[in-house]
Amino acid sequence: MKRLVIIGGGFSGSYIARKLEKYFEVILIDTKNYFEFTPGILRIIVEPDHFKKIQILHSDYLKKAKILIGNVKLITPKYVFVNTGNHRFSIPKNSKEFSGKQKIKYDYLAICSGSKYSSPIKEQNLVMATRANHLVDSYKKLCKSKKVLIIGGGLVGVELSAEIATHYNDKDITIVHAKDKLIERNHNKAIEHAEKFLKNKGVKIIYKERIVRYLGNTFISNKGNRFNVDIAFFCTGIKTNYEFMKKHFSGKLNKSNQI
């Protein structure tokens, strides 16, 4: 039976693994041991128990596929190199273990590595709104916070602002957005509705500014404006997870490092 290695356990990776595990020796490589329904993540910041509804262990829906938890560091035309760290896993047949890493040979490779936020700011008060566990950990802090900063007015920033504004009436919420419109890639009616809805909820929206640095709990924009807040959420700057492809497959990437 030929081996199919899948990088990433999100929508695409989990679907491929489930559909093809009967026909191939499937190895699913993911940074976590569960599938997460991404569109439902933001509800967790106001309803922390919601994560139970949007997560399922890979092992609960995959019956034959092997699951490897780790970070892919490099791919070649024949092998995938994975850094497994301290994770425990079932070592696939014909793979070689060395220094906490795996060298896995494949016949077919599915790259479903998705994207991540690339934040220029490293700060304990800055919450990356990308994974349920991050938001669960931040729930109690948000409950105690008065001033909330949302960095980015795209889909994630708008939805997160709406969740907080709808569930709390004691939060001073500010969105700082680099563009001149919220969710600018959407239809004008959706843009107008989002802005009207948030403003009616008391959300302050600042356009054409970017947060570039911080001093303690003060975040500073490129125009020099300062925002003193109790908690900040980073909702911008998404880039593809492509680093492991650079060495051997750079010719297959475009200027945005997408395949």
C-alpha atoms as a PDB file:
ATOM      1  CA  MET A   1       0.000   0.000   0.000  1.00  0.00           C
ATOM      2  CA  LYS A   2       1.389   3.386  -0.968  1.00  0.00           C
ATOM      3  CA  ARG A   3       1.963   6.030   1.670  1.00  0.00           C
ATOM      4  CA  LEU A   4       0.142   9.361   1.723  1.00  0.00           C
ATOM      5  CA  VAL A   5       1.557  12.001   4.086  1.00  0.00           C
ATOM      6  CA  ILE A   6      -0.711  14.941   4.899  1.00  0.00           C
ATOM      7  CA  ILE A   7       0.689  18.143   6.407  1.00  0.00           C
ATOM      8  CA  GLY A   8      -1.981  19.944   8.445  1.00  0.00           C
ATOM      9  CA  GLY A   9      -5.113  18.726  10.206  1.00  0.00           C
ATOM     10  CA  GLY A  10      -7.491  21.564   9.374  1.00  0.00           C
ATOM     11  CA  PHE A  11     -10.438  21.400   6.994  1.00  0.00           C
ATOM     12  CA  SER A  12      -8.506  20.133   3.972  1.00  0.00           C
ATOM     13  CA  GLY A  13      -6.066  17.830   5.737  1.00  0.00           C
ATOM     14  CA  SER A  14      -8.644  16.138   7.935  1.00  0.00           C
ATOM     15  CA  TYR A  15     -11.019  15.658   4.983  1.00  0.00           C
ATOM     16  CA  ILE A  16      -8.333  14.048   2.827  1.00  0.00           C
ATOM     17  CA  ALA A  17      -7.226  11.768   5.671  1.00  0.00           C
ATOM     18  CA  ARG A  18     -10.776  10.614   6.400  1.00  0.00           C
ATOM     19  CA  LYS A  19     -11.621   9.967   2.744  1.00  0.00           C
ATOM     20  CA  LEU A  20      -8.404   8.181   1.776  1.00  0.00           C
ATOM     21  CA  GLU A  21      -7.314   6.233   4.871  1.00  0.00           C
ATOM     22  CA  LYS A  22      -8.962   3.083   3.456  1.00  0.00           C
ATOM     23  CA  TYR A  23      -6.902   3.214   0.295  1.00  0.00           C
ATOM     24  CA  PHE A  24      -3.470   4.418   1.445  1.00  0.00           C
ATOM     25  CA  GLU A  25      -1.180   4.215   4.436  1.00  0.00           C
ATOM     26  CA  VAL A  26      -2.083   7.684   5.679  1.00  0.00           C
ATOM     27  CA  ILE A  27       0.090   9.700   8.069  1.00  0.00           C
ATOM     28  CA  LEU A  28      -1.505  12.950   9.253  1.00  0.00           C
ATOM     29  CA  ILE A  29       0.992  15.480  10.636  1.00  0.00           C
ATOM     30  CA  ASP A  30      -0.459  18.282  12.746  1.00  0.00           C
ATOM     31  CA  THR A  31       0.732  20.660  15.462  1.00  0.00           C
ATOM     32  CA  LYS A  32      -2.200  19.602  17.659  1.00  0.00           C
ATOM     33  CA  ASN A  33      -3.995  16.306  18.269  1.00  0.00           C
ATOM     34  CA  TYR A  34      -7.463  17.589  17.378  1.00  0.00           C
ATOM     35  CA  PHE A  35      -9.475  19.142  14.552  1.00  0.00           C
ATOM     36  CA  GLU A  36     -10.904  22.566  15.294  1.00  0.00           C
ATOM     37  CA  PHE A  37     -13.856  24.230  13.572  1.00  0.00           C
ATOM     38  CA  THR A  38     -12.170  27.563  12.892  1.00  0.00           C
ATOM     39  CA  PRO A  39     -15.284  29.706  12.224  1.00  0.00           C
ATOM     40  CA  GLY A  40     -16.536  28.962  15.746  1.00  0.00           C
ATOM     41  CA  ILE A  41     -13.398  29.956  17.614  1.00  0.00           C
ATOM     42  CA  LEU A  42     -14.262  33.560  18.425  1.00  0.00           C
ATOM     43  CA  ARG A  43     -17.396  32.650  20.386  1.00  0.00           C
ATOM     44  CA  ILE A  44     -15.065  31.135  22.995  1.00  0.00           C
ATOM     45  CA  ILE A  45     -13.877  34.507  24.252  1.00  0.00           C
ATOM     46  CA  VAL A  46     -17.372  35.089  25.671  1.00  0.00           C
ATOM     47  CA  GLU A  47     -18.478  31.454  26.145  1.00  0.00           C
ATOM     48  CA  PRO A  48     -15.372  29.460  27.146  1.00  0.00           C
ATOM     49  CA  ASP A  49     -17.199  26.114  27.221  1.00  0.00           C
ATOM     50  CA  HIS A  50     -17.968  26.538  23.532  1.00  0.00           C
ATOM     51  CA  PHE A  51     -14.617  24.904  22.665  1.00  0.00           C
ATOM     52  CA  LYS A  52     -16.195  21.510  23.457  1.00  0.00           C
ATOM     53  CA  LYS A  53     -18.517  22.004  20.493  1.00  0.00           C
ATOM     54  CA  ILE A  54     -15.811  22.858  17.953  1.00  0.00           C
ATOM     55  CA  GLN A  55     -12.992  20.419  18.756  1.00  0.00           C
ATOM     56  CA  ILE A  56     -12.689  16.701  18.099  1.00  0.00           C
ATOM     57  CA  LEU A  57      -9.631  14.498  18.494  1.00  0.00           C
ATOM     58  CA  HIS A  58      -8.158  13.311  15.226  1.00  0.00           C
ATOM     59  CA  SER A  59      -8.203   9.806  16.678  1.00  0.00           C
ATOM     60  CA  ASP A  60     -11.994   9.982  17.131  1.00  0.00           C
ATOM     61  CA  TYR A  61     -12.777  10.222  13.433  1.00  0.00           C
ATOM     62  CA  LEU A  62      -9.733   8.524  11.877  1.00  0.00           C
ATOM     63  CA  LYS A  63      -9.783   4.744  12.183  1.00  0.00           C
ATOM     64  CA  LYS A  64      -6.678   3.684  10.266  1.00  0.00           C
ATOM     65  CA  ALA A  65      -4.523   6.763   9.707  1.00  0.00           C
ATOM     66  CA  LYS A  66      -1.444   7.348  11.866  1.00  0.00           C
ATOM     67  CA  ILE A  67      -1.336  10.713  13.612  1.00  0.00           C
ATOM     68  CA  LEU A  68       1.970  12.489  14.200  1.00  0.00           C
ATOM     69  CA  ILE A  69       2.053  15.607  16.388  1.00  0.00           C
ATOM     70  CA  GLY A  70       4.868  17.974  15.500  1.00  0.00           C
ATOM     71  CA  ASN A  71       6.156  20.754  13.263  1.00  0.00           C
ATOM     72  CA  VAL A  72       7.270  20.072   9.712  1.00  0.00           C
ATOM     73  CA  LYS A  73      10.707  21.616   9.245  1.00  0.00           C
ATOM     74  CA  LEU A  74      11.580  20.527   5.718  1.00  0.00           C
ATOM     75  CA  ILE A  75      10.187  18.638   2.765  1.00  0.00           C
ATOM     76  CA  THR A  76      12.154  17.089  -0.081  1.00  0.00           C
ATOM     77  CA  PRO A  77      10.866  15.270  -3.179  1.00  0.00           C
ATOM     78  CA  LYS A  78      10.938  12.038  -1.144  1.00  0.00           C
ATOM     79  CA  TYR A  79      10.921  12.865   2.579  1.00  0.00           C
ATOM     80  CA  VAL A  80       9.191  14.965   5.210  1.00  0.00           C
ATOM     81  CA  PHE A  81      11.258  16.013   8.234  1.00  0.00           C
ATOM     82  CA  VAL A  82       9.221  16.601  11.400  1.00  0.00           C
ATOM     83  CA  ASN A  83      10.308  18.014  14.740  1.00  0.00           C
ATOM     84  CA  THR A  84       8.213  16.170  17.303  1.00  0.00           C
ATOM     85  CA  GLY A  85       9.687  17.730  20.436  1.00  0.00           C
ATOM     86  CA  ASN A  86       8.388  15.994  23.563  1.00  0.00           C
ATOM     87  CA  HIS A  87       5.217  14.706  21.937  1.00  0.00           C
ATOM     88  CA  ARG A  88       4.390  11.027  22.179  1.00  0.00           C
ATOM     89  CA  PHE A  89       3.308   9.283  19.031  1.00  0.00           C
ATOM     90  CA  SER A  90       3.246   5.978  17.230  1.00  0.00           C
ATOM     91  CA  ILE A  91       6.385   5.745  15.101  1.00  0.00           C
ATOM     92  CA  PRO A  92       5.336   4.975  11.519  1.00  0.00           C
ATOM     93  CA  LYS A  93       6.923   2.004   9.801  1.00  0.00           C
ATOM     94  CA  ASN A  94      10.045   2.646   7.718  1.00  0.00           C
ATOM     95  CA  SER A  95      10.598   6.014   9.366  1.00  0.00           C
ATOM     96  CA  LYS A  96      13.833   6.985  11.066  1.00  0.00           C
ATOM     97  CA  GLU A  97      13.929   8.585  14.498  1.00  0.00           C
ATOM     98  CA  PHE A  98      16.782  10.858  15.503  1.00  0.00           C
ATOM     99  CA  SER A  99      17.164  13.741  17.973  1.00  0.00           C
ATOM    100  CA  GLY A 100      13.425  14.096  18.530  1.00  0.00           C
ATOM    101  CA  LYS A 101      12.776  14.248  14.805  1.00  0.00           C
ATOM    102  CA  GLN A 102      11.223  12.028  12.187  1.00  0.00           C
ATOM    103  CA  LYS A 103      12.306  11.455   8.619  1.00  0.00           C
ATOM    104  CA  ILE A 104       9.256  10.114   6.821  1.00  0.00           C
ATOM    105  CA  LYS A 105       9.279   8.805   3.280  1.00  0.00           C
ATOM    106  CA  TYR A 106       6.172   9.307   1.171  1.00  0.00           C
ATOM    107  CA  ASP A 107       4.679   8.315  -2.172  1.00  0.00           C
ATOM    108  CA  TYR A 108       2.160  11.147  -2.155  1.00  0.00           C
ATOM    109  CA  LEU A 109       2.222  14.393  -0.186  1.00  0.00           C
ATOM    110  CA  ALA A 110      -0.736  16.684   0.564  1.00  0.00           C
ATOM    111  CA  ILE A 111       0.291  20.150   1.784  1.00  0.00           C
ATOM    112  CA  CYS A 112      -2.570  21.611   3.857  1.00  0.00           C
ATOM    113  CA  SER A 113      -0.472  23.724   6.212  1.00  0.00           C
ATOM    114  CA  GLY A 114      -2.747  26.766   6.205  1.00  0.00           C
ATOM    115  CA  SER A 115      -1.694  30.122   7.591  1.00  0.00           C
ATOM    116  CA  LYS A 116      -0.799  31.932  10.801  1.00  0.00           C
ATOM    117  CA  TYR A 117      -0.622  35.418  12.238  1.00  0.00           C
ATOM    118  CA  SER A 118       2.763  37.070  12.023  1.00  0.00           C
ATOM    119  CA  SER A 119       2.749  39.640  14.793  1.00  0.00           C
ATOM    120  CA  PRO A 120       5.486  42.278  15.030  1.00  0.00           C
ATOM    121  CA  ILE A 121       4.583  42.724  18.700  1.00  0.00           C
ATOM    122  CA  LYS A 122       5.542  40.362  21.522  1.00  0.00           C
ATOM    123  CA  GLU A 123       3.553  41.245  24.611  1.00  0.00           C
ATOM    124  CA  GLN A 124       1.789  39.268  27.321  1.00  0.00           C
ATOM    125  CA  ASN A 125      -1.342  41.383  26.909  1.00  0.00           C
ATOM    126  CA  LEU A 126      -1.525  40.668  23.180  1.00  0.00           C
ATOM    127  CA  VAL A 127      -3.851  37.752  22.435  1.00  0.00           C
ATOM    128  CA  MET A 128      -3.523  35.943  19.113  1.00  0.00           C
ATOM    129  CA  ALA A 129      -7.118  35.250  18.063  1.00  0.00           C
ATOM    130  CA  THR A 130      -6.259  32.132  16.080  1.00  0.00           C
ATOM    131  CA  ARG A 131      -6.854  29.149  18.337  1.00  0.00           C
ATOM    132  CA  ALA A 132      -9.485  28.229  20.885  1.00  0.00           C
ATOM    133  CA  ASN A 133      -7.013  27.487  23.667  1.00  0.00           C
ATOM    134  CA  HIS A 134      -5.588  31.018  23.450  1.00  0.00           C
ATOM    135  CA  LEU A 135      -9.043  32.506  23.882  1.00  0.00           C
ATOM    136  CA  VAL A 136     -10.039  30.169  26.718  1.00  0.00           C
ATOM    137  CA  ASP A 137      -6.950  31.272  28.620  1.00  0.00           C
ATOM    138  CA  SER A 138      -7.868  34.915  28.017  1.00  0.00           C
ATOM    139  CA  TYR A 139     -11.514  34.682  29.036  1.00  0.00           C
ATOM    140  CA  LYS A 140     -10.995  35.514  32.719  1.00  0.00           C
ATOM    141  CA  LYS A 141      -8.713  38.400  31.857  1.00  0.00           C
ATOM    142  CA  LEU A 142     -11.283  39.833  29.474  1.00  0.00           C
ATOM    143  CA  CYS A 143     -13.944  39.608  32.192  1.00  0.00           C
ATOM    144  CA  LYS A 144     -11.814  41.863  34.401  1.00  0.00           C
ATOM    145  CA  SER A 145     -10.809  44.232  31.607  1.00  0.00           C
ATOM    146  CA  LYS A 146     -12.401  47.581  30.934  1.00  0.00           C
ATOM    147  CA  LYS A 147     -10.473  48.825  27.904  1.00  0.00           C
ATOM    148  CA  VAL A 148     -10.153  46.418  24.961  1.00  0.00           C
ATOM    149  CA  LEU A 149      -8.087  46.961  21.826  1.00  0.00           C
ATOM    150  CA  ILE A 150      -8.764  45.049  18.607  1.00  0.00           C
ATOM    151  CA  ILE A 151      -5.855  45.323  16.173  1.00  0.00           C
ATOM    152  CA  GLY A 152      -7.256  44.822  12.685  1.00  0.00           C
ATOM    153  CA  GLY A 153     -10.692  45.365  11.188  1.00  0.00           C
ATOM    154  CA  GLY A 154     -10.925  42.365   8.886  1.00  0.00           C
ATOM    155  CA  LEU A 155     -13.343  39.483   9.308  1.00  0.00           C
ATOM    156  CA  VAL A 156     -11.766  38.245  12.532  1.00  0.00           C
ATOM    157  CA  GLY A 157     -11.451  41.673  14.127  1.00  0.00           C
ATOM    158  CA  VAL A 158     -15.034  42.610  13.267  1.00  0.00           C
ATOM    159  CA  GLU A 159     -16.515  39.350  14.520  1.00  0.00           C
ATOM    160  CA  LEU A 160     -14.460  39.391  17.710  1.00  0.00           C
ATOM    161  CA  SER A 161     -15.489  42.979  18.427  1.00  0.00           C
ATOM    162  CA  ALA A 162     -19.136  42.051  17.874  1.00  0.00           C
ATOM    163  CA  GLU A 163     -18.914  39.034  20.190  1.00  0.00           C
ATOM    164  CA  ILE A 164     -17.444  41.122  23.005  1.00  0.00           C
ATOM    165  CA  ALA A 165     -19.759  44.108  22.464  1.00  0.00           C
ATOM    166  CA  THR A 166     -22.834  41.880  22.346  1.00  0.00           C
ATOM    167  CA  HIS A 167     -22.027  39.883  25.474  1.00  0.00           C
ATOM    168  CA  TYR A 168     -20.650  42.712  27.638  1.00  0.00           C
ATOM    169  CA  ASN A 169     -21.979  46.195  28.245  1.00  0.00           C
ATOM    170  CA  ASP A 170     -19.065  47.399  30.361  1.00  0.00           C
ATOM    171  CA  LYS A 171     -16.237  47.241  27.803  1.00  0.00           C
ATOM    172  CA  ASP A 172     -14.606  50.208  26.087  1.00  0.00           C
ATOM    173  CA  ILE A 173     -13.732  48.629  22.726  1.00  0.00           C
ATOM    174  CA  THR A 174     -11.507  50.226  20.087  1.00  0.00           C
ATOM    175  CA  ILE A 175     -10.640  48.841  16.643  1.00  0.00           C
ATOM    176  CA  VAL A 176      -7.494  50.149  14.978  1.00  0.00           C
ATOM    177  CA  HIS A 177      -7.535  49.295  11.276  1.00  0.00           C
ATOM    178  CA  ALA A 178      -4.908  50.087   8.629  1.00  0.00           C
ATOM    179  CA  LYS A 179      -7.418  50.379   5.783  1.00  0.00           C
ATOM    180  CA  ASP A 180     -10.173  52.952   5.203  1.00  0.00           C
ATOM    181  CA  LYS A 181     -12.980  50.374   5.452  1.00  0.00           C
ATOM    182  CA  LEU A 182     -13.793  47.402   7.639  1.00  0.00           C
ATOM    183  CA  ILE A 183     -13.773  43.959   5.959  1.00  0.00           C
ATOM    184  CA  GLU A 184     -12.787  45.813   2.782  1.00  0.00           C
ATOM    185  CA  ARG A 185     -12.903  42.760   0.508  1.00  0.00           C
ATOM    186  CA  ASN A 186     -16.612  42.249   1.162  1.00  0.00           C
ATOM    187  CA  HIS A 187     -19.701  43.735  -0.477  1.00  0.00           C
ATOM    188  CA  ASN A 188     -20.357  47.395   0.318  1.00  0.00           C
ATOM    189  CA  LYS A 189     -23.653  46.536   2.037  1.00  0.00           C
ATOM    190  CA  ALA A 190     -21.846  44.138   4.368  1.00  0.00           C
ATOM    191  CA  ILE A 191     -19.204  46.770   5.099  1.00  0.00           C
ATOM    192  CA  GLU A 192     -21.821  49.403   5.896  1.00  0.00           C
ATOM    193  CA  HIS A 193     -23.810  46.998   8.059  1.00  0.00           C
ATOM    194  CA  ALA A 194     -20.729  45.936  10.058  1.00  0.00           C
ATOM    195  CA  GLU A 195     -19.690  49.511  10.744  1.00  0.00           C
ATOM    196  CA  LYS A 196     -23.210  50.577  11.722  1.00  0.00           C
ATOM    197  CA  PHE A 197     -23.703  47.538  13.976  1.00  0.00           C
ATOM    198  CA  LEU A 198     -20.435  48.059  15.847  1.00  0.00           C
ATOM    199  CA  LYS A 199     -20.881  51.788  16.272  1.00  0.00           C
ATOM    200  CA  ASN A 200     -24.387  51.210  17.640  1.00  0.00           C
ATOM    201  CA  LYS A 201     -22.747  48.902  20.209  1.00  0.00           C
ATOM    202  CA  GLY A 202     -20.389  51.691  21.213  1.00  0.00           C
ATOM    203  CA  VAL A 203     -17.303  50.358  19.452  1.00  0.00           C
ATOM    204  CA  LYS A 204     -14.830  53.065  18.428  1.00  0.00           C
ATOM    205  CA  ILE A 205     -13.237  52.527  15.002  1.00  0.00           C
ATOM    206  CA  ILE A 206      -9.990  54.208  13.948  1.00  0.00           C
ATOM    207  CA  TYR A 207      -9.094  53.914  10.269  1.00  0.00           C
ATOM    208  CA  LYS A 208      -5.784  54.273   8.397  1.00  0.00           C
ATOM    209  CA  GLU A 209      -3.579  53.522  11.398  1.00  0.00           C
ATOM    210  CA  ARG A 210      -1.393  50.559  12.360  1.00  0.00           C
ATOM    211  CA  ILE A 211      -0.183  49.468  15.776  1.00  0.00           C
ATOM    212  CA  VAL A 212       3.588  49.258  15.512  1.00  0.00           C
ATOM    213  CA  ARG A 213       4.908  48.995  19.081  1.00  0.00           C
ATOM    214  CA  TYR A 214       4.013  49.006  22.744  1.00  0.00           C
ATOM    215  CA  LEU A 215       5.170  50.311  26.114  1.00  0.00           C
ATOM    216  CA  GLY A 216       3.718  48.199  28.884  1.00  0.00           C
ATOM    217  CA  ASN A 217      -0.057  48.356  28.437  1.00  0.00           C
ATOM    218  CA  THR A 218       0.203  51.230  25.965  1.00  0.00           C
ATOM    219  CA  PHE A 219       0.050  50.401  22.263  1.00  0.00           C
ATOM    220  CA  ILE A 220       1.366  52.992  19.821  1.00  0.00           C
ATOM    221  CA  SER A 221       0.269  53.535  16.227  1.00  0.00           C
ATOM    222  CA  ASN A 222       2.309  54.615  13.223  1.00  0.00           C
ATOM    223  CA  LYS A 223       0.789  58.074  13.668  1.00  0.00           C
ATOM    224  CA  GLY A 224       1.964  58.326  17.254  1.00  0.00           C
ATOM    225  CA  ASN A 225      -1.417  57.813  18.885  1.00  0.00           C
ATOM    226  CA  ARG A 226      -1.350  55.892  22.159  1.00  0.00           C
ATOM    227  CA  PHE A 227      -3.939  53.414  23.371  1.00  0.00           C
ATOM    228  CA  ASN A 228      -3.871  52.494  27.040  1.00  0.00           C
ATOM    229  CA  VAL A 229      -5.708  49.178  27.365  1.00  0.00           C
ATOM    230  CA  ASP A 230      -6.164  46.230  29.673  1.00  0.00           C
ATOM    231  CA  ILE A 231      -6.137  43.595  26.929  1.00  0.00           C
ATOM    232  CA  ALA A 232      -5.396  43.602  23.187  1.00  0.00           C
ATOM    233  CA  PHE A 233      -6.268  41.119  20.448  1.00  0.00           C
ATOM    234  CA  PHE A 234      -4.159  40.784  17.325  1.00  0.00           C
ATOM    235  CA  CYS A 235      -6.365  40.111  14.289  1.00  0.00           C
ATOM    236  CA  THR A 236      -4.225  40.982  11.281  1.00  0.00           C
ATOM    237  CA  GLY A 237      -1.066  40.004   9.436  1.00  0.00           C
ATOM    238  CA  ILE A 238      -1.923  36.472   8.300  1.00  0.00           C
ATOM    239  CA  LYS A 239       0.717  34.694   6.218  1.00  0.00           C
ATOM    240  CA  THR A 240       0.946  31.196   4.819  1.00  0.00           C
ATOM    241  CA  ASN A 241       2.935  28.449   6.539  1.00  0.00           C
ATOM    242  CA  TYR A 242       5.485  27.970   3.810  1.00  0.00           C
ATOM    243  CA  GLU A 243       8.921  27.915   5.459  1.00  0.00           C
ATOM    244  CA  PHE A 244       9.419  24.167   5.089  1.00  0.00           C
ATOM    245  CA  MET A 245       8.960  24.473   1.295  1.00  0.00           C
ATOM    246  CA  LYS A 246      11.595  27.156   0.661  1.00  0.00           C
ATOM    247  CA  LYS A 247      14.655  24.961   0.208  1.00  0.00           C
ATOM    248  CA  HIS A 248      13.377  22.449  -2.332  1.00  0.00           C
ATOM    249  CA  PHE A 249      10.153  23.958  -3.671  1.00  0.00           C
ATOM    250  CA  SER A 250      10.750  27.719  -3.849  1.00  0.00           C
ATOM    251  CA  GLY A 251      10.027  27.606  -7.572  1.00  0.00           C
ATOM    252  CA  LYS A 252       6.478  26.475  -6.795  1.00  0.00           C
ATOM    253  CA  LEU A 253       5.699  29.518  -4.602  1.00  0.00           C
ATOM    254  CA  ASN A 254       4.387  32.864  -5.795  1.00  0.00           C
ATOM    255  CA  LYS A 255       5.331  36.294  -4.438  1.00  0.00           C
ATOM    256  CA  SER A 256       2.961  35.776  -1.494  1.00  0.00           C
ATOM    257  CA  ASN A 257       4.625  32.427  -0.760  1.00  0.00           C
ATOM    258  CA  GLN A 258       1.517  30.533  -1.763  1.00  0.00           C
ATOM    259  CA  ILE A 259       1.675  27.371  -3.836  1.00  0.00           C
END
